[in-house]
Amino acid sequence: MNVVVTGGAGFIGANLCRALAGRAGVGRVVAYDNLSTGSASNLDGVAAELVVGDIRDRALLRVVLDRADAVVHLAARPSVPRSLADPLASHDANVTGTLNVLEACRRNGTHLLAASSSSVYGATAELPKHEELPTRPLSPYAASKLAAESYALAYAASFGLPTLVLRFFNVYGPLQSTGHAYAAAIPAFVHAALNGQPLAVHGDGRQTRDFTFVGSVVEVLARAVLGRVTADLPVNLAFGESVSIRRVIELIGELLGRDLEVRYGPARAGDVRDSRGANDRLLGLFPALAPISLADGLRQTIDWFAGAGPYPVSTGRLADARSATG
């Protein structure tokens, strides 16, 4: 089986390429990435071919996808704040880019897995967020992801394209970028903590999220590729465990063995207050999934960041915990 991962040099994509390259039944793995947010170094030591290209380049995309048995479409312009700063760029990458991928897949009926986002639920207050809820995007980013998933499902209905749309919920873990204004919460917190800096929180920290470790996401994606899993409706990729930002910070402090300084600021426009995903539909497609817990995921994330350092602050508590558990 030949698999193309758009955004394959990015955070989730590179983790997926690593997992697919070691799976029985997978032959060639191609990471297609314009390196705007991804990095070629994320694929060091991975048996995957990197093709530097943009999903807005229809000609190159068609050539690369022509031999694919499956395409995992992760490439996007991420971040709510980035979309507020430049809505047209988010639309161009996330909507037009997705349409280009769909057209390339339609030529050969290629199995497509498309990444959407929990942000499409937006202002819908009901918890947990289940797939039958109305969508009320609060940002251009969320609107672009809703448009992209709608196109994917429309191509499945109109052209019989084998498709699976997965709505991701706050994915975190190794290889996630940090140190910039658009960094996600967990990598930004870990980076600040390891540098001995205050952790910046937008809002009061009582907002909740359904955080998903990248290893759990990759396992679902790999199973979906190998099993040629499809669905005619979107599917939450979530495990129904809602936790506050304050609790995440507490756990990071416990793992590092020290109290962390936190500075609270105004909430950001476009941010959702609370999020927790229903996973009945996911478990129906992938029975007996065993997600990695938040504590274990944070431990692996801190361990990776510390190894990717250098950082001036010790992670001795983590080293002690690893020694104690063998």
Protein backbone atom coordinates (compact mmCIF):
# COMPACT_ATOMS: atom_id res chain seq x y z
CA MET A 1 0.00 0.00 0.00
CA ASN A 2 1.26 3.48 -0.94
CA VAL A 3 0.22 6.28 1.43
CA VAL A 4 0.56 10.04 0.96
CA VAL A 5 0.34 12.27 4.03
CA THR A 6 -0.26 15.94 3.23
CA GLY A 7 1.34 18.03 5.94
CA GLY A 8 3.56 15.00 6.50
CA ALA A 9 6.49 17.00 7.89
CA GLY A 10 4.29 18.69 10.48
CA PHE A 11 3.50 17.73 14.05
CA ILE A 12 0.78 15.11 13.51
CA GLY A 13 1.93 14.21 10.00
CA ALA A 14 5.50 13.31 10.95
CA ASN A 15 4.27 11.21 13.88
CA LEU A 16 1.92 9.43 11.47
CA CYS A 17 4.63 8.87 8.85
CA ARG A 18 6.81 7.29 11.54
CA ALA A 19 3.98 4.96 12.56
CA LEU A 20 2.98 4.01 9.01
CA ALA A 21 6.54 3.32 7.91
CA GLY A 22 6.78 0.59 10.51
CA ARG A 23 3.43 -1.08 9.76
CA ALA A 24 3.01 -4.34 7.92
CA GLY A 25 1.08 -3.82 4.70
CA VAL A 26 2.43 -0.32 4.10
CA GLY A 27 5.01 0.00 1.34
CA ARG A 28 5.78 3.57 0.30
CA VAL A 29 5.07 6.54 2.56
CA VAL A 30 5.23 10.03 1.05
CA ALA A 31 5.15 13.19 3.16
CA TYR A 32 3.86 16.09 1.02
CA ASP A 33 4.56 19.39 2.77
CA ASN A 34 5.39 23.00 1.89
CA LEU A 35 7.42 23.31 5.14
CA SER A 36 5.63 26.51 6.14
CA THR A 37 4.97 25.10 9.61
CA GLY A 38 6.50 21.62 9.30
CA SER A 39 10.18 20.74 9.22
CA ALA A 40 12.20 18.21 7.24
CA SER A 41 14.04 17.36 10.46
CA ASN A 42 10.80 15.92 11.88
CA LEU A 43 11.28 13.04 9.43
CA ASP A 44 14.90 12.29 10.36
CA GLY A 45 15.31 8.53 10.63
CA VAL A 46 11.83 7.88 9.18
CA ALA A 47 11.48 5.67 6.09
CA ALA A 48 9.33 8.23 4.29
CA GLU A 49 9.94 10.24 1.13
CA LEU A 50 9.57 14.01 1.53
CA VAL A 51 8.11 15.91 -1.42
CA VAL A 52 8.23 19.66 -0.88
CA GLY A 53 5.04 21.06 -2.37
CA ASP A 54 1.90 23.03 -1.64
CA ILE A 55 -1.66 21.71 -1.71
CA ARG A 56 -2.50 24.78 -3.78
CA ASP A 57 -0.20 23.46 -6.53
CA ARG A 58 -2.74 21.35 -8.42
CA ALA A 59 -0.31 20.01 -11.02
CA LEU A 60 2.27 18.70 -8.54
CA LEU A 61 -0.42 17.43 -6.20
CA ARG A 62 -1.96 15.39 -9.03
CA VAL A 63 1.39 13.78 -9.86
CA VAL A 64 2.20 12.90 -6.24
CA LEU A 65 -1.25 11.51 -5.46
CA ASP A 66 -1.59 9.57 -8.71
CA ARG A 67 0.08 6.42 -7.30
CA ALA A 68 -1.46 6.64 -3.83
CA ASP A 69 -3.74 3.97 -2.41
CA ALA A 70 -4.66 6.24 0.49
CA VAL A 71 -4.24 9.93 1.30
CA VAL A 72 -4.27 11.33 4.82
CA HIS A 73 -5.01 15.02 4.42
CA LEU A 74 -3.51 16.92 7.36
CA ALA A 75 -2.09 19.96 5.57
CA ALA A 76 -3.72 23.19 6.70
CA ARG A 77 -3.06 26.70 7.90
CA PRO A 78 -3.64 26.14 11.63
CA SER A 79 -4.58 28.44 14.51
CA VAL A 80 -7.57 30.61 15.34
CA PRO A 81 -5.42 33.74 15.92
CA ARG A 82 -3.70 33.32 12.54
CA SER A 83 -7.08 33.16 10.84
CA LEU A 84 -8.18 36.34 12.58
CA ALA A 85 -5.05 38.07 11.33
CA ASP A 86 -5.46 36.82 7.74
CA PRO A 87 -8.81 35.16 6.97
CA LEU A 88 -8.16 34.89 3.24
CA ALA A 89 -4.94 32.92 3.74
CA SER A 90 -6.76 30.45 5.99
CA HIS A 91 -9.53 30.02 3.43
CA ASP A 92 -7.07 29.59 0.56
CA ALA A 93 -5.08 26.86 2.30
CA ASN A 94 -7.83 25.07 4.19
CA VAL A 95 -10.71 25.22 1.71
CA THR A 96 -9.21 25.65 -1.75
CA GLY A 97 -6.29 23.39 -0.82
CA THR A 98 -8.68 20.67 0.35
CA LEU A 99 -10.69 20.96 -2.85
CA ASN A 100 -7.47 20.41 -4.83
CA VAL A 101 -6.73 17.28 -2.79
CA LEU A 102 -10.25 15.99 -3.39
CA GLU A 103 -9.98 16.52 -7.13
CA ALA A 104 -6.66 14.66 -7.22
CA CYS A 105 -8.16 11.77 -5.24
CA ARG A 106 -11.26 11.65 -7.45
CA ARG A 107 -9.18 10.75 -10.51
CA ASN A 108 -8.47 7.25 -9.17
CA GLY A 109 -11.06 6.90 -6.40
CA THR A 110 -8.31 7.14 -3.79
CA HIS A 111 -9.27 6.52 -0.17
CA LEU A 112 -9.16 9.86 1.67
CA LEU A 113 -8.87 10.59 5.39
CA ALA A 114 -9.49 14.27 6.07
CA ALA A 115 -8.67 16.10 9.30
CA SER A 116 -11.31 18.49 10.57
CA SER A 117 -11.51 20.22 13.95
CA SER A 118 -13.65 20.41 17.08
CA SER A 119 -13.68 24.17 16.49
CA VAL A 120 -16.53 23.66 14.00
CA TYR A 121 -18.93 23.27 16.96
CA GLY A 122 -18.10 26.81 18.06
CA ALA A 123 -20.75 28.48 20.18
CA THR A 124 -22.87 25.35 20.60
CA ALA A 125 -23.10 25.05 24.39
CA GLU A 126 -24.18 21.42 24.77
CA LEU A 127 -21.64 18.93 26.18
CA PRO A 128 -20.38 16.51 25.13
CA LYS A 129 -20.09 17.72 21.56
CA HIS A 130 -21.71 15.03 19.41
CA GLU A 131 -21.75 14.94 15.65
CA GLU A 132 -25.48 15.64 15.36
CA LEU A 133 -25.12 19.07 16.97
CA PRO A 134 -25.45 22.19 14.82
CA THR A 135 -22.16 23.81 13.91
CA ARG A 136 -21.59 27.47 14.86
CA PRO A 137 -17.99 28.46 14.03
CA LEU A 138 -16.57 31.43 15.96
CA SER A 139 -13.51 32.11 13.81
CA PRO A 140 -12.44 32.10 10.16
CA TYR A 141 -10.28 29.06 10.97
CA ALA A 142 -13.30 27.11 12.27
CA ALA A 143 -15.38 28.18 9.27
CA SER A 144 -12.65 27.03 6.89
CA LYS A 145 -12.43 23.61 8.54
CA LEU A 146 -16.20 23.21 8.37
CA ALA A 147 -16.16 24.11 4.68
CA ALA A 148 -13.33 21.65 4.04
CA GLU A 149 -15.06 18.75 5.78
CA SER A 150 -18.31 19.58 3.98
CA TYR A 151 -16.52 19.38 0.64
CA ALA A 152 -15.03 16.00 1.57
CA LEU A 153 -18.42 14.58 2.55
CA ALA A 154 -20.00 16.09 -0.57
CA TYR A 155 -17.42 14.35 -2.77
CA ALA A 156 -18.23 11.07 -1.02
CA ALA A 157 -21.94 11.56 -1.69
CA SER A 158 -21.59 12.93 -5.23
CA PHE A 159 -18.74 10.86 -6.65
CA GLY A 160 -18.55 7.82 -4.38
CA LEU A 161 -15.12 8.86 -3.10
CA PRO A 162 -14.17 6.61 -0.13
CA THR A 163 -13.82 9.17 2.64
CA LEU A 164 -13.43 9.45 6.39
CA VAL A 165 -13.65 12.88 8.07
CA LEU A 166 -12.27 13.05 11.61
CA ARG A 167 -12.79 16.04 13.91
CA PHE A 168 -9.65 16.42 16.01
CA PHE A 169 -9.84 17.67 19.61
CA ASN A 170 -6.81 19.60 20.94
CA VAL A 171 -4.03 17.26 19.86
CA TYR A 172 -0.70 17.57 21.70
CA GLY A 173 2.58 15.70 22.01
CA PRO A 174 6.15 15.34 20.68
CA LEU A 175 7.16 17.37 17.60
CA GLN A 176 4.58 20.08 18.30
CA SER A 177 5.96 23.54 17.59
CA THR A 178 6.32 26.22 20.24
CA GLY A 179 8.02 29.52 20.90
CA HIS A 180 5.72 31.60 18.69
CA ALA A 181 2.52 33.61 19.12
CA TYR A 182 0.31 30.86 17.68
CA ALA A 183 1.63 27.94 19.72
CA ALA A 184 -1.01 25.61 21.18
CA ALA A 185 -1.52 25.61 24.94
CA ILE A 186 0.33 22.48 26.07
CA PRO A 187 3.57 22.98 24.09
CA ALA A 188 3.59 26.66 25.11
CA PHE A 189 3.18 25.70 28.77
CA VAL A 190 5.86 23.00 28.66
CA HIS A 191 8.30 25.27 26.83
CA ALA A 192 7.79 28.07 29.37
CA ALA A 193 8.06 25.70 32.34
CA LEU A 194 11.32 24.19 31.11
CA ASN A 195 12.71 27.70 30.58
CA GLY A 196 11.70 28.77 34.07
CA GLN A 197 9.31 31.37 32.64
CA PRO A 198 5.74 32.27 33.66
CA LEU A 199 3.00 30.36 31.87
CA ALA A 200 0.71 32.71 29.93
CA VAL A 201 -2.99 31.79 30.07
CA HIS A 202 -5.64 33.48 27.94
CA GLY A 203 -8.67 33.81 30.21
CA ASP A 204 -9.18 32.55 33.76
CA GLY A 205 -7.84 29.03 33.13
CA ARG A 206 -11.15 27.41 34.04
CA GLN A 207 -12.01 26.80 30.39
CA THR A 208 -11.97 23.10 29.56
CA ARG A 209 -10.63 21.04 26.68
CA ASP A 210 -10.70 17.41 25.56
CA PHE A 211 -6.95 16.97 25.02
CA THR A 212 -5.86 14.08 22.79
CA PHE A 213 -2.32 12.71 22.78
CA VAL A 214 -0.84 12.49 19.30
CA GLY A 215 -0.07 8.79 19.76
CA SER A 216 -3.78 8.06 20.16
CA VAL A 217 -4.57 10.10 17.04
CA VAL A 218 -1.90 8.31 15.01
CA GLU A 219 -3.21 4.91 16.06
CA VAL A 220 -6.70 5.78 14.78
CA LEU A 221 -5.33 7.14 11.51
CA ALA A 222 -3.12 4.10 10.91
CA ARG A 223 -6.01 1.71 11.58
CA ALA A 224 -8.25 3.71 9.26
CA VAL A 225 -5.69 3.61 6.44
CA LEU A 226 -5.02 -0.12 6.72
CA GLY A 227 -8.70 -0.99 7.18
CA ARG A 228 -9.91 1.42 4.46
CA VAL A 229 -12.41 2.77 6.97
CA THR A 230 -15.04 5.18 5.64
CA ALA A 231 -18.08 6.98 7.04
CA ASP A 232 -20.74 9.15 5.42
CA LEU A 233 -20.81 11.50 8.43
CA PRO A 234 -18.06 13.28 10.38
CA VAL A 235 -16.51 11.43 13.33
CA ASN A 236 -15.12 12.97 16.52
CA LEU A 237 -11.59 11.82 17.27
CA ALA A 238 -11.92 12.33 21.01
CA PHE A 239 -12.11 10.29 24.18
CA GLY A 240 -14.56 12.28 26.31
CA GLU A 241 -12.17 13.46 29.04
CA SER A 242 -12.60 17.17 29.66
CA VAL A 243 -10.02 18.93 31.81
CA SER A 244 -9.46 22.57 32.73
CA ILE A 245 -6.39 24.54 31.68
CA ARG A 246 -5.61 25.04 35.38
CA ARG A 247 -5.55 21.27 35.92
CA VAL A 248 -3.19 20.79 32.97
CA ILE A 249 -0.81 23.30 34.52
CA GLU A 250 -1.04 21.52 37.88
CA LEU A 251 -0.16 18.20 36.23
CA ILE A 252 2.85 19.72 34.43
CA GLY A 253 4.02 21.16 37.76
CA GLU A 254 3.58 17.79 39.48
CA LEU A 255 5.57 16.03 36.77
CA LEU A 256 8.36 18.59 37.03
CA GLY A 257 8.24 18.58 40.83
CA ARG A 258 7.76 22.31 41.35
CA ASP A 259 5.17 25.08 41.44
CA LEU A 260 4.77 27.01 38.21
CA GLU A 261 4.20 30.75 37.92
CA VAL A 262 1.08 31.55 35.92
CA ARG A 263 0.03 34.88 34.44
CA TYR A 264 -3.59 35.28 33.36
CA GLY A 265 -4.63 37.64 30.56
CA PRO A 266 -7.73 38.45 28.52
CA ALA A 267 -9.52 35.64 26.72
CA ARG A 268 -8.86 35.45 22.99
CA ALA A 269 -11.47 36.25 20.40
CA GLY A 270 -12.73 33.13 18.64
CA ASP A 271 -11.81 30.74 21.47
CA VAL A 272 -14.42 28.23 22.66
CA ARG A 273 -15.07 28.21 26.43
CA ASP A 274 -15.59 24.47 26.95
CA SER A 275 -15.07 21.42 24.76
CA ARG A 276 -15.58 17.72 25.28
CA GLY A 277 -16.22 15.24 22.51
CA ALA A 278 -18.67 12.35 22.39
CA ASN A 279 -16.97 9.27 20.95
CA ASP A 280 -19.77 6.77 20.32
CA ARG A 281 -19.32 7.02 16.57
CA LEU A 282 -15.52 6.65 16.86
CA LEU A 283 -15.76 3.53 19.04
CA GLY A 284 -18.27 2.05 16.62
CA LEU A 285 -15.63 2.22 13.89
CA PHE A 286 -12.64 1.36 16.07
CA PRO A 287 -13.73 -0.92 18.93
CA ALA A 288 -11.50 -1.38 21.99
CA LEU A 289 -9.44 1.77 21.48
CA ALA A 290 -7.20 2.42 24.47
CA PRO A 291 -6.26 6.12 24.54
CA ILE A 292 -3.12 7.33 26.29
CA SER A 293 -4.04 9.15 29.50
CA LEU A 294 -3.37 12.87 29.94
CA ALA A 295 -0.77 12.23 32.66
CA ASP A 296 1.13 9.72 30.51
CA GLY A 297 0.83 11.93 27.43
CA LEU A 298 2.16 14.94 29.32
CA ARG A 299 5.04 12.87 30.65
CA GLN A 300 6.02 11.80 27.13
CA THR A 301 5.60 15.36 25.86
CA ILE A 302 7.80 16.88 28.57
CA ASP A 303 10.36 14.15 28.05
CA TRP A 304 10.55 14.93 24.33
CA PHE A 305 10.79 18.69 24.86
CA ALA A 306 13.51 18.23 27.48
CA GLY A 307 15.47 16.02 25.09
CA ALA A 308 15.04 18.52 22.26
CA GLY A 309 16.28 21.37 24.54
CA PRO A 310 18.58 22.59 25.84
CA TYR A 311 16.57 24.03 28.69
CA PRO A 312 18.00 25.63 31.82
CA VAL A 313 15.53 24.01 34.23
CA SER A 314 16.01 20.41 35.40
CA THR A 315 13.49 17.64 34.74
CA GLY A 316 14.84 15.48 37.55
CA ARG A 317 11.39 14.43 38.80
CA LEU A 318 10.65 12.85 35.41
CA ALA A 319 13.99 11.05 35.40
CA ASP A 320 13.28 9.73 38.90
CA ALA A 321 9.83 8.55 37.80
CA ARG A 322 11.25 6.70 34.81
CA SER A 323 13.89 5.01 36.93
CA ALA A 324 11.30 3.94 39.48
CA THR A 325 9.07 2.39 36.83
CA GLY A 326 11.90 0.73 34.92
